Amino acid sequence: MKMFKQSVALLSGLLLLLLLPLSADAQDGEATIAEIAADNENFSTLVAALDAAGLVGVLDGEGPFTVFAPTNEAFEAIPEEELEALLQPENRELLTQILTYHVVEGKAMAADVVGMDEANTLQGSSVAIDVEGETVRLAGTAQVVQADIEASNGVIHVIDSVLFPPADTEEGSY
């Protein structure tokens, strides 16, 4: 019962925190994850990074996927020089590692996520999930600010930080 109450509270609180403008197709769950991101100006940096890494096609594919999607504001926390360097062709492998650390195979709705301690990412590492009241954090710092944006090939949960895969054992984010 406690888990159910947490899930309901989480869903209610998160949906009110940030209402990102979505196209009609996105609201109906008919668009893919990549299409939703491309149609939302709050994800333009994410889309540019996905394009630079050659991953747009993956998130336009069959899935299902769960994407923890950082907003433009989340990317602004990365020093400009570092972000520009990540987007260069010579850093494509590193950028791919970072971006795939935001993606989980399968469709995990908010009600599923709140019951998890960690999730295995497409990058190969797991990311820690902490739930405290109505707050869900990944890697100890990135907070889910909007949950359950359904797509035809999965779901997007919007986060306020960019996650970086663990170098050895420690996770991190900007």
C-alpha atoms as a PDB file:
ATOM      1  CA  MET A   1       0.000   0.000   0.000  1.00  0.00           C
ATOM      2  CA  LYS A   2       2.872   2.346   0.848  1.00  0.00           C
ATOM      3  CA  MET A   3       4.382   1.735  -2.611  1.00  0.00           C
ATOM      4  CA  PHE A   4       1.035   2.520  -4.255  1.00  0.00           C
ATOM      5  CA  LYS A   5       0.661   5.781  -2.297  1.00  0.00           C
ATOM      6  CA  GLN A   6       4.228   6.753  -3.205  1.00  0.00           C
ATOM      7  CA  SER A   7       3.537   6.008  -6.855  1.00  0.00           C
ATOM      8  CA  VAL A   8       0.341   8.059  -6.915  1.00  0.00           C
ATOM      9  CA  ALA A   9       1.994  10.938  -5.070  1.00  0.00           C
ATOM     10  CA  LEU A  10       5.015  10.786  -7.342  1.00  0.00           C
ATOM     11  CA  LEU A  11       2.915  10.811 -10.483  1.00  0.00           C
ATOM     12  CA  SER A  12       0.766  13.694  -9.280  1.00  0.00           C
ATOM     13  CA  GLY A  13       3.677  15.796  -8.117  1.00  0.00           C
ATOM     14  CA  LEU A  14       5.904  15.171 -11.095  1.00  0.00           C
ATOM     15  CA  LEU A  15       3.249  15.933 -13.664  1.00  0.00           C
ATOM     16  CA  LEU A  16       2.629  19.305 -12.054  1.00  0.00           C
ATOM     17  CA  LEU A  17       6.321  20.231 -11.787  1.00  0.00           C
ATOM     18  CA  LEU A  18       7.032  20.741 -15.447  1.00  0.00           C
ATOM     19  CA  LEU A  19       4.566  20.775 -18.296  1.00  0.00           C
ATOM     20  CA  LEU A  20       6.670  20.627 -21.440  1.00  0.00           C
ATOM     21  CA  PRO A  21       4.848  21.524 -24.650  1.00  0.00           C
ATOM     22  CA  LEU A  22       4.166  18.395 -26.669  1.00  0.00           C
ATOM     23  CA  SER A  23       2.741  17.910 -30.135  1.00  0.00           C
ATOM     24  CA  ALA A  24      -0.649  16.233 -30.561  1.00  0.00           C
ATOM     25  CA  ASP A  25       1.040  13.010 -31.737  1.00  0.00           C
ATOM     26  CA  ALA A  26       3.300  13.015 -28.693  1.00  0.00           C
ATOM     27  CA  GLN A  27       0.347  13.499 -26.365  1.00  0.00           C
ATOM     28  CA  ASP A  28      -1.380  10.511 -27.961  1.00  0.00           C
ATOM     29  CA  GLY A  29       1.722   8.302 -27.669  1.00  0.00           C
ATOM     30  CA  GLU A  30       1.831   7.901 -31.460  1.00  0.00           C
ATOM     31  CA  ALA A  31       5.230   9.565 -31.991  1.00  0.00           C
ATOM     32  CA  THR A  32       8.543   7.833 -31.325  1.00  0.00           C
ATOM     33  CA  ILE A  33      10.908   8.950 -28.585  1.00  0.00           C
ATOM     34  CA  ALA A  34      13.129  10.619 -31.203  1.00  0.00           C
ATOM     35  CA  GLU A  35      10.157  12.440 -32.762  1.00  0.00           C
ATOM     36  CA  ILE A  36       8.948  13.713 -29.389  1.00  0.00           C
ATOM     37  CA  ALA A  37      12.422  15.000 -28.545  1.00  0.00           C
ATOM     38  CA  ALA A  38      12.813  16.642 -31.979  1.00  0.00           C
ATOM     39  CA  ASP A  39       9.402  18.338 -31.676  1.00  0.00           C
ATOM     40  CA  ASN A  40      10.160  19.796 -28.231  1.00  0.00           C
ATOM     41  CA  GLU A  41      12.420  22.846 -28.063  1.00  0.00           C
ATOM     42  CA  ASN A  42      13.387  21.914 -24.475  1.00  0.00           C
ATOM     43  CA  PHE A  43      15.285  18.908 -25.881  1.00  0.00           C
ATOM     44  CA  SER A  44      17.181  20.643 -28.716  1.00  0.00           C
ATOM     45  CA  THR A  45      20.597  20.071 -27.112  1.00  0.00           C
ATOM     46  CA  LEU A  46      19.755  16.425 -26.463  1.00  0.00           C
ATOM     47  CA  VAL A  47      18.679  16.021 -30.095  1.00  0.00           C
ATOM     48  CA  ALA A  48      21.917  17.654 -31.296  1.00  0.00           C
ATOM     49  CA  ALA A  49      23.910  15.252 -29.107  1.00  0.00           C
ATOM     50  CA  LEU A  50      21.922  12.239 -30.333  1.00  0.00           C
ATOM     51  CA  ASP A  51      22.566  13.349 -33.898  1.00  0.00           C
ATOM     52  CA  ALA A  52      26.296  13.840 -33.269  1.00  0.00           C
ATOM     53  CA  ALA A  53      26.487  10.340 -31.756  1.00  0.00           C
ATOM     54  CA  GLY A  54      24.420   8.778 -34.557  1.00  0.00           C
ATOM     55  CA  LEU A  55      21.760   7.591 -32.107  1.00  0.00           C
ATOM     56  CA  VAL A  56      18.621   9.263 -33.481  1.00  0.00           C
ATOM     57  CA  GLY A  57      17.801   6.095 -35.442  1.00  0.00           C
ATOM     58  CA  VAL A  58      18.051   3.966 -32.300  1.00  0.00           C
ATOM     59  CA  LEU A  59      15.467   6.080 -30.459  1.00  0.00           C
ATOM     60  CA  ASP A  60      13.329   6.112 -33.579  1.00  0.00           C
ATOM     61  CA  GLY A  61      13.470   2.292 -33.650  1.00  0.00           C
ATOM     62  CA  GLU A  62      11.149  -0.373 -32.365  1.00  0.00           C
ATOM     63  CA  GLY A  63      12.160  -0.384 -28.687  1.00  0.00           C
ATOM     64  CA  PRO A  64      10.663  -0.334 -26.224  1.00  0.00           C
ATOM     65  CA  PHE A  65      12.969   2.044 -24.377  1.00  0.00           C
ATOM     66  CA  THR A  66      12.861   4.128 -21.241  1.00  0.00           C
ATOM     67  CA  VAL A  67      14.765   7.375 -21.711  1.00  0.00           C
ATOM     68  CA  PHE A  68      15.790   9.650 -18.877  1.00  0.00           C
ATOM     69  CA  ALA A  69      15.988  12.804 -20.985  1.00  0.00           C
ATOM     70  CA  PRO A  70      17.955  15.847 -19.814  1.00  0.00           C
ATOM     71  CA  THR A  71      16.567  19.241 -20.804  1.00  0.00           C
ATOM     72  CA  ASN A  72      18.531  22.056 -22.427  1.00  0.00           C
ATOM     73  CA  GLU A  73      18.851  23.587 -18.975  1.00  0.00           C
ATOM     74  CA  ALA A  74      20.482  20.379 -17.731  1.00  0.00           C
ATOM     75  CA  PHE A  75      23.049  20.558 -20.535  1.00  0.00           C
ATOM     76  CA  GLU A  76      23.795  24.201 -19.627  1.00  0.00           C
ATOM     77  CA  ALA A  77      25.424  22.952 -16.397  1.00  0.00           C
ATOM     78  CA  ILE A  78      28.213  21.423 -18.488  1.00  0.00           C
ATOM     79  CA  PRO A  79      30.919  23.985 -19.237  1.00  0.00           C
ATOM     80  CA  GLU A  80      30.411  25.206 -22.803  1.00  0.00           C
ATOM     81  CA  GLU A  81      33.883  24.133 -23.946  1.00  0.00           C
ATOM     82  CA  GLU A  82      33.331  20.597 -22.635  1.00  0.00           C
ATOM     83  CA  LEU A  83      29.937  20.290 -24.313  1.00  0.00           C
ATOM     84  CA  GLU A  84      31.320  21.558 -27.617  1.00  0.00           C
ATOM     85  CA  ALA A  85      34.186  19.064 -27.360  1.00  0.00           C
ATOM     86  CA  LEU A  86      31.764  16.189 -26.677  1.00  0.00           C
ATOM     87  CA  LEU A  87      29.855  17.015 -29.857  1.00  0.00           C
ATOM     88  CA  GLN A  88      32.974  16.716 -32.035  1.00  0.00           C
ATOM     89  CA  PRO A  89      33.351  13.608 -34.255  1.00  0.00           C
ATOM     90  CA  GLU A  90      36.537  12.525 -32.470  1.00  0.00           C
ATOM     91  CA  ASN A  91      34.548  12.189 -29.216  1.00  0.00           C
ATOM     92  CA  ARG A  92      31.636  10.243 -30.683  1.00  0.00           C
ATOM     93  CA  GLU A  93      32.413   7.103 -28.651  1.00  0.00           C
ATOM     94  CA  LEU A  94      32.443   9.020 -25.346  1.00  0.00           C
ATOM     95  CA  LEU A  95      29.257  10.873 -26.286  1.00  0.00           C
ATOM     96  CA  THR A  96      27.599   7.559 -27.166  1.00  0.00           C
ATOM     97  CA  GLN A  97      28.569   6.154 -23.750  1.00  0.00           C
ATOM     98  CA  ILE A  98      27.070   9.189 -22.006  1.00  0.00           C
ATOM     99  CA  LEU A  99      23.836   9.163 -24.001  1.00  0.00           C
ATOM    100  CA  THR A 100      23.241   5.411 -23.767  1.00  0.00           C
ATOM    101  CA  TYR A 101      23.655   5.758 -19.982  1.00  0.00           C
ATOM    102  CA  HIS A 102      20.313   7.625 -20.131  1.00  0.00           C
ATOM    103  CA  VAL A 103      18.496   4.735 -21.859  1.00  0.00           C
ATOM    104  CA  VAL A 104      17.064   1.546 -20.361  1.00  0.00           C
ATOM    105  CA  GLU A 105      15.731  -1.331 -22.415  1.00  0.00           C
ATOM    106  CA  GLY A 106      12.009  -1.868 -21.894  1.00  0.00           C
ATOM    107  CA  LYS A 107       9.223   0.492 -20.932  1.00  0.00           C
ATOM    108  CA  ALA A 108       9.413   1.494 -17.251  1.00  0.00           C
ATOM    109  CA  MET A 109       6.602   3.833 -16.292  1.00  0.00           C
ATOM    110  CA  ALA A 110       6.928   5.987 -13.155  1.00  0.00           C
ATOM    111  CA  ALA A 111       5.013   3.399 -11.134  1.00  0.00           C
ATOM    112  CA  ASP A 112       7.697   0.858 -12.127  1.00  0.00           C
ATOM    113  CA  VAL A 113      10.653   3.184 -11.564  1.00  0.00           C
ATOM    114  CA  VAL A 114       9.681   3.998  -7.964  1.00  0.00           C
ATOM    115  CA  GLY A 115       9.977   0.297  -7.149  1.00  0.00           C
ATOM    116  CA  MET A 116      13.514   0.002  -8.513  1.00  0.00           C
ATOM    117  CA  ASP A 117      16.848   0.513  -6.745  1.00  0.00           C
ATOM    118  CA  GLU A 118      18.738   0.616 -10.026  1.00  0.00           C
ATOM    119  CA  ALA A 119      18.280   0.170 -13.746  1.00  0.00           C
ATOM    120  CA  ASN A 120      20.601  -1.431 -16.278  1.00  0.00           C
ATOM    121  CA  THR A 121      21.368   1.049 -19.046  1.00  0.00           C
ATOM    122  CA  LEU A 122      22.177   0.417 -22.699  1.00  0.00           C
ATOM    123  CA  GLN A 123      25.658   1.765 -21.913  1.00  0.00           C
ATOM    124  CA  GLY A 124      26.255  -1.368 -19.834  1.00  0.00           C
ATOM    125  CA  SER A 125      26.369   0.117 -16.348  1.00  0.00           C
ATOM    126  CA  SER A 126      23.500   0.365 -13.936  1.00  0.00           C
ATOM    127  CA  VAL A 127      22.248   3.694 -12.654  1.00  0.00           C
ATOM    128  CA  ALA A 128      21.113   4.029  -9.035  1.00  0.00           C
ATOM    129  CA  ILE A 129      17.514   5.089  -8.413  1.00  0.00           C
ATOM    130  CA  ASP A 130      16.574   6.710  -5.106  1.00  0.00           C
ATOM    131  CA  VAL A 131      13.001   7.519  -4.110  1.00  0.00           C
ATOM    132  CA  GLU A 132      12.374   9.885  -1.237  1.00  0.00           C
ATOM    133  CA  GLY A 133       8.771  10.930  -0.829  1.00  0.00           C
ATOM    134  CA  GLU A 134       7.735  12.383  -4.178  1.00  0.00           C
ATOM    135  CA  THR A 135      11.312  12.859  -5.375  1.00  0.00           C
ATOM    136  CA  VAL A 136      13.031  10.388  -7.690  1.00  0.00           C
ATOM    137  CA  ARG A 137      16.764  10.791  -8.261  1.00  0.00           C
ATOM    138  CA  LEU A 138      19.146   8.987 -10.581  1.00  0.00           C
ATOM    139  CA  ALA A 139      22.829   8.595  -9.738  1.00  0.00           C
ATOM    140  CA  GLY A 140      22.185  10.515  -6.540  1.00  0.00           C
ATOM    141  CA  THR A 141      21.657  13.890  -8.212  1.00  0.00           C
ATOM    142  CA  ALA A 142      19.534  13.957 -11.376  1.00  0.00           C
ATOM    143  CA  GLN A 143      15.909  14.525 -10.409  1.00  0.00           C
ATOM    144  CA  VAL A 144      12.956  13.361 -12.482  1.00  0.00           C
ATOM    145  CA  VAL A 145      10.948  16.530 -13.143  1.00  0.00           C
ATOM    146  CA  GLN A 146       8.330  15.056 -15.477  1.00  0.00           C
ATOM    147  CA  ALA A 147       7.387  11.429 -15.846  1.00  0.00           C
ATOM    148  CA  ASP A 148       5.528   9.177 -18.239  1.00  0.00           C
ATOM    149  CA  ILE A 149       5.688  10.934 -21.587  1.00  0.00           C
ATOM    150  CA  GLU A 150       4.498   7.974 -23.606  1.00  0.00           C
ATOM    151  CA  ALA A 151       5.844   7.274 -27.065  1.00  0.00           C
ATOM    152  CA  SER A 152       5.041   4.577 -29.580  1.00  0.00           C
ATOM    153  CA  ASN A 153       8.352   2.898 -28.740  1.00  0.00           C
ATOM    154  CA  GLY A 154       8.637   3.539 -25.014  1.00  0.00           C
ATOM    155  CA  VAL A 155       8.526   6.302 -22.438  1.00  0.00           C
ATOM    156  CA  ILE A 156      10.438   9.460 -21.553  1.00  0.00           C
ATOM    157  CA  HIS A 157      11.123  10.707 -18.044  1.00  0.00           C
ATOM    158  CA  VAL A 158      12.535  14.244 -18.037  1.00  0.00           C
ATOM    159  CA  ILE A 159      15.529  14.854 -15.739  1.00  0.00           C
ATOM    160  CA  ASP A 160      17.257  18.031 -14.585  1.00  0.00           C
ATOM    161  CA  SER A 161      20.881  16.870 -14.951  1.00  0.00           C
ATOM    162  CA  VAL A 162      23.034  15.120 -17.512  1.00  0.00           C
ATOM    163  CA  LEU A 163      24.195  11.731 -16.240  1.00  0.00           C
ATOM    164  CA  PHE A 164      27.731  10.482 -16.728  1.00  0.00           C
ATOM    165  CA  PRO A 165      28.471   6.764 -16.536  1.00  0.00           C
ATOM    166  CA  PRO A 166      30.677   5.621 -13.700  1.00  0.00           C
ATOM    167  CA  ALA A 167      34.402   5.746 -14.463  1.00  0.00           C
ATOM    168  CA  ASP A 168      34.966   2.757 -12.215  1.00  0.00           C
ATOM    169  CA  THR A 169      32.448   2.659  -9.419  1.00  0.00           C
ATOM    170  CA  GLU A 170      31.096   6.178  -8.914  1.00  0.00           C
ATOM    171  CA  GLU A 171      28.197   7.626 -10.865  1.00  0.00           C
ATOM    172  CA  GLY A 172      27.860  11.295 -11.528  1.00  0.00           C
ATOM    173  CA  SER A 173      25.973  14.029 -13.261  1.00  0.00           C
ATOM    174  CA  TYR A 174      26.151  17.685 -14.163  1.00  0.00           C
END
